[in-house]
Amino acid sequence: MSDKHLSSQFDAALNLLSTRLLEMGGLVESQISSVLSLLSKFDSAVVSGVRDVERQLNQIEVEIDDEIINVIARRQPAARDLRLLMATSKCVTNLERTGDEAWKIAKRLQRIDEAGVPPALQVAELRNSGEMALTILHRVLDAFARMDIASAEQIMRDDQAIDNEFRLLVQRLVANMNTAPGAISSCFDYLFAAKAIERIGDHATNIAELVIYIVKGRDVRHLPLGRLDEEIQRN
């Protein structure tokens, strides 16, 4: 078999893995959209659907990781191809964990509905945070598809907005607990839901870091944002 044919097969395997990752990302996006719809109207059928997708994501993660191991064993890739395979595996893990966070939010909203306690706060803040997280996830999947490090870098910066929204929401929840003791339980459920949304933003940021790693070979995890551009541009 010619080297050219082997190379073509390898490229096809890499493309298939990227395609499956993006399909997995699409499932996660739909899952988060479903969860956010519960803030407007609770529906137990939607909760069941979110759970079904979470289980599906678990299976997809296993399948993609198995295929990555097979590709590494068969092709013994080097340099950027190996970075792509290892980073893809980590991206898949982040997507699976994002699905876990969506499921956590659905469970918390189900608890609030079952308690029958009127919301102690407007859910607009929570919905706004969720929509921000969903947007940043969509953007990072697009950055991965195009291997766009400029977009990935901006996503890392924009995640700060989700963190700020979370802090403001915590302050509101604490204030509500002090003025409405009967709503403390539901406030805690909202708090855990808000934390899960913040974690979705964190997972999107992790994927953005991996895009930079694939393209530039730079590990920018834990790097202060002020040094990010300098590190990316360094030869």
Protein backbone atom coordinates (compact mmCIF):
# COMPACT_ATOMS: atom_id res chain seq x y z
CA MET A 1 0.00 0.00 0.00
CA SER A 2 1.43 3.41 -0.98
CA ASP A 3 2.42 6.07 1.52
CA LYS A 4 -0.05 8.41 -0.19
CA HIS A 5 -2.89 5.96 0.36
CA LEU A 6 -1.91 5.49 4.00
CA SER A 7 -1.82 9.25 4.46
CA SER A 8 -5.27 9.55 2.88
CA GLN A 9 -6.67 6.93 5.26
CA PHE A 10 -5.13 8.74 8.22
CA ASP A 11 -6.62 12.08 7.14
CA ALA A 12 -10.02 10.40 6.77
CA ALA A 13 -9.76 8.98 10.30
CA LEU A 14 -8.86 12.41 11.72
CA ASN A 15 -11.72 14.06 9.84
CA LEU A 16 -14.17 11.46 11.11
CA LEU A 17 -13.11 12.08 14.70
CA SER A 18 -13.52 15.83 14.30
CA THR A 19 -16.94 15.30 12.73
CA ARG A 20 -18.07 13.07 15.59
CA LEU A 21 -16.84 15.60 18.15
CA LEU A 22 -18.82 18.37 16.45
CA GLU A 23 -21.91 16.14 16.32
CA MET A 24 -21.47 15.52 20.04
CA GLY A 25 -21.21 19.27 20.54
CA GLY A 26 -24.48 19.75 18.67
CA LEU A 27 -26.18 17.32 21.04
CA VAL A 28 -24.85 19.22 24.04
CA GLU A 29 -26.10 22.50 22.59
CA SER A 30 -29.60 21.06 22.11
CA GLN A 31 -29.49 19.68 25.65
CA ILE A 32 -28.65 23.09 27.13
CA SER A 33 -31.38 24.75 25.03
CA SER A 34 -33.87 22.24 26.44
CA VAL A 35 -32.75 22.98 29.98
CA LEU A 36 -33.13 26.73 29.48
CA SER A 37 -36.68 26.19 28.21
CA LEU A 38 -37.53 24.81 31.66
CA LEU A 39 -37.00 28.28 33.11
CA SER A 40 -40.03 29.48 31.17
CA LYS A 41 -42.24 26.42 31.63
CA PHE A 42 -41.37 23.28 33.54
CA ASP A 43 -41.99 20.05 31.65
CA SER A 44 -41.05 16.65 33.06
CA ALA A 45 -40.82 15.25 29.52
CA VAL A 46 -38.05 17.75 28.78
CA VAL A 47 -36.19 16.60 31.90
CA SER A 48 -36.43 12.99 30.70
CA GLY A 49 -35.11 14.06 27.31
CA VAL A 50 -32.15 15.83 28.90
CA ARG A 51 -31.37 12.66 30.84
CA ASP A 52 -31.55 10.55 27.68
CA VAL A 53 -29.10 12.85 25.90
CA GLU A 54 -26.75 12.75 28.89
CA ARG A 55 -26.64 8.95 28.63
CA GLN A 56 -26.09 9.19 24.88
CA LEU A 57 -23.17 11.57 25.43
CA ASN A 58 -21.59 9.09 27.85
CA GLN A 59 -21.68 6.40 25.17
CA ILE A 60 -20.33 8.69 22.46
CA GLU A 61 -17.42 9.69 24.71
CA VAL A 62 -16.44 6.03 25.12
CA GLU A 63 -16.74 5.35 21.38
CA ILE A 64 -14.64 8.35 20.33
CA ASP A 65 -11.94 7.60 22.90
CA ASP A 66 -11.78 3.99 21.71
CA GLU A 67 -11.36 5.17 18.12
CA ILE A 68 -8.62 7.62 19.15
CA ILE A 69 -6.73 4.79 20.84
CA ASN A 70 -7.10 2.67 17.71
CA VAL A 71 -5.83 5.46 15.46
CA ILE A 72 -2.80 6.07 17.68
CA ALA A 73 -2.01 2.35 17.76
CA ARG A 74 -2.36 1.92 13.99
CA ARG A 75 -0.82 5.15 12.73
CA GLN A 76 1.66 6.11 15.46
CA PRO A 77 1.17 9.82 14.71
CA ALA A 78 3.72 12.47 15.58
CA ALA A 79 3.79 16.21 16.23
CA ARG A 80 0.58 18.10 15.40
CA ASP A 81 -1.42 14.98 14.52
CA LEU A 82 -0.73 13.51 17.95
CA ARG A 83 -1.62 16.83 19.58
CA LEU A 84 -4.88 16.82 17.64
CA LEU A 85 -5.77 13.31 18.79
CA MET A 86 -4.93 13.92 22.45
CA ALA A 87 -6.68 17.29 22.47
CA THR A 88 -9.74 15.80 20.76
CA SER A 89 -10.00 13.26 23.56
CA LYS A 90 -9.87 16.06 26.13
CA CYS A 91 -12.44 18.11 24.20
CA VAL A 92 -14.77 15.10 24.21
CA THR A 93 -14.35 14.80 27.97
CA ASN A 94 -15.24 18.47 28.39
CA LEU A 95 -18.34 18.04 26.24
CA GLU A 96 -19.43 15.00 28.23
CA ARG A 97 -19.00 16.96 31.46
CA THR A 98 -20.94 19.85 29.98
CA GLY A 99 -23.77 17.38 29.42
CA ASP A 100 -23.47 16.37 33.06
CA GLU A 101 -23.85 20.01 34.10
CA ALA A 102 -26.97 20.39 31.95
CA TRP A 103 -28.45 17.34 33.64
CA LYS A 104 -27.64 18.83 37.06
CA ILE A 105 -29.51 22.00 36.14
CA ALA A 106 -32.53 19.99 34.98
CA LYS A 107 -32.59 18.08 38.28
CA ARG A 108 -32.43 21.27 40.33
CA LEU A 109 -35.25 22.86 38.36
CA GLN A 110 -37.29 19.69 38.87
CA ARG A 111 -36.73 19.97 42.63
CA ILE A 112 -37.92 23.57 42.57
CA ASP A 113 -41.05 22.59 40.65
CA GLU A 114 -41.81 19.68 42.97
CA ALA A 115 -41.39 21.89 46.06
CA GLY A 116 -44.16 24.15 44.76
CA VAL A 117 -42.49 27.20 46.31
CA PRO A 118 -42.85 30.41 44.28
CA PRO A 119 -39.43 31.51 42.97
CA ALA A 120 -37.67 33.76 45.44
CA LEU A 121 -36.13 35.69 42.56
CA GLN A 122 -36.73 36.42 38.93
CA VAL A 123 -35.14 33.76 36.74
CA ALA A 124 -34.03 36.32 34.17
CA GLU A 125 -30.49 36.36 35.59
CA LEU A 126 -30.22 32.59 35.44
CA ARG A 127 -31.59 32.50 31.90
CA ASN A 128 -29.18 35.24 30.83
CA SER A 129 -26.22 33.32 32.24
CA GLY A 130 -27.41 30.14 30.53
CA GLU A 131 -27.78 31.85 27.17
CA MET A 132 -24.28 33.32 27.53
CA ALA A 133 -22.91 29.85 28.27
CA LEU A 134 -24.76 28.37 25.30
CA THR A 135 -23.40 31.09 23.01
CA ILE A 136 -19.83 30.60 24.15
CA LEU A 137 -20.14 26.84 23.67
CA HIS A 138 -21.40 27.35 20.11
CA ARG A 139 -18.54 29.73 19.40
CA VAL A 140 -15.89 27.36 20.70
CA LEU A 141 -17.23 24.48 18.61
CA ASP A 142 -16.99 26.76 15.58
CA ALA A 143 -13.43 27.69 16.60
CA PHE A 144 -12.56 24.00 16.83
CA ALA A 145 -14.05 23.29 13.40
CA ARG A 146 -11.97 26.08 11.85
CA MET A 147 -8.95 25.77 14.18
CA ASP A 148 -9.35 29.49 14.77
CA ILE A 149 -6.98 30.55 17.54
CA ALA A 150 -8.09 34.21 17.44
CA SER A 151 -11.66 33.15 18.26
CA ALA A 152 -10.40 30.70 20.89
CA GLU A 153 -8.41 33.45 22.58
CA GLN A 154 -11.44 35.78 22.64
CA ILE A 155 -13.59 33.02 24.13
CA MET A 156 -11.13 32.66 27.00
CA ARG A 157 -11.52 36.36 27.70
CA ASP A 158 -15.31 36.38 27.32
CA ASP A 159 -15.78 33.61 29.91
CA GLN A 160 -15.10 36.26 32.54
CA ALA A 161 -18.56 37.70 31.80
CA ILE A 162 -20.22 34.43 32.82
CA ASP A 163 -18.15 34.37 36.02
CA ASN A 164 -19.27 37.93 36.79
CA GLU A 165 -22.93 37.01 36.22
CA PHE A 166 -22.52 34.08 38.60
CA ARG A 167 -21.11 36.30 41.34
CA LEU A 168 -23.96 38.78 40.96
CA LEU A 169 -26.53 36.00 41.08
CA VAL A 170 -24.97 34.57 44.25
CA GLN A 171 -25.28 37.99 45.88
CA ARG A 172 -28.96 38.15 44.91
CA LEU A 173 -29.60 34.66 46.23
CA VAL A 174 -27.93 35.39 49.57
CA ALA A 175 -30.01 38.53 49.93
CA ASN A 176 -33.19 36.56 49.17
CA MET A 177 -32.29 33.93 51.77
CA ASN A 178 -31.99 36.67 54.40
CA THR A 179 -35.34 38.25 53.56
CA ALA A 180 -37.33 35.09 52.76
CA PRO A 181 -36.21 32.19 55.01
CA GLY A 182 -38.97 29.97 53.65
CA ALA A 183 -37.37 30.04 50.24
CA ILE A 184 -33.89 28.99 51.35
CA SER A 185 -34.21 25.50 49.87
CA SER A 186 -35.22 26.77 46.43
CA CYS A 187 -32.51 29.44 46.59
CA PHE A 188 -29.92 26.71 47.12
CA ASP A 189 -31.31 24.85 44.10
CA TYR A 190 -30.96 28.02 42.02
CA LEU A 191 -27.45 28.45 43.36
CA PHE A 192 -26.40 24.97 42.27
CA ALA A 193 -28.00 25.54 38.87
CA ALA A 194 -26.09 28.80 38.50
CA LYS A 195 -22.84 27.06 39.44
CA ALA A 196 -23.50 24.41 36.80
CA ILE A 197 -23.94 27.15 34.19
CA GLU A 198 -20.64 28.70 35.25
CA ARG A 199 -18.99 25.30 34.82
CA ILE A 200 -20.38 25.05 31.28
CA GLY A 201 -18.51 28.27 30.51
CA ASP A 202 -15.39 26.78 32.07
CA HIS A 203 -15.62 23.68 29.88
CA ALA A 204 -15.99 25.87 26.79
CA THR A 205 -12.88 27.75 27.87
CA ASN A 206 -11.02 24.46 28.28
CA ILE A 207 -11.86 23.56 24.68
CA ALA A 208 -10.64 26.99 23.54
CA GLU A 209 -7.33 26.33 25.29
CA LEU A 210 -7.09 23.00 23.48
CA VAL A 211 -7.65 24.65 20.09
CA ILE A 212 -4.66 26.89 20.80
CA TYR A 213 -2.65 23.86 21.90
CA ILE A 214 -3.44 21.98 18.68
CA VAL A 215 -2.52 24.85 16.39
CA LYS A 216 0.39 26.45 18.24
CA GLY A 217 1.64 23.67 20.48
CA ARG A 218 1.34 26.07 23.43
CA ASP A 219 -0.19 24.98 26.72
CA VAL A 220 -2.01 28.12 27.88
CA ARG A 221 -3.85 26.51 30.78
CA HIS A 222 -3.63 28.54 33.98
CA LEU A 223 -1.93 31.36 32.08
CA PRO A 224 -2.99 34.89 33.17
CA LEU A 225 -5.09 36.56 30.48
CA GLY A 226 -2.61 39.42 30.37
CA ARG A 227 0.05 37.05 29.05
CA LEU A 228 -2.18 35.10 26.70
CA ASP A 229 -1.54 37.03 23.48
CA GLU A 230 2.21 37.17 24.16
CA GLU A 231 2.39 33.39 24.63
CA ILE A 232 0.35 32.66 21.49
CA GLN A 233 2.49 34.94 19.34
CA ARG A 234 5.80 33.62 20.68
CA ASN A 235 7.82 31.63 18.12
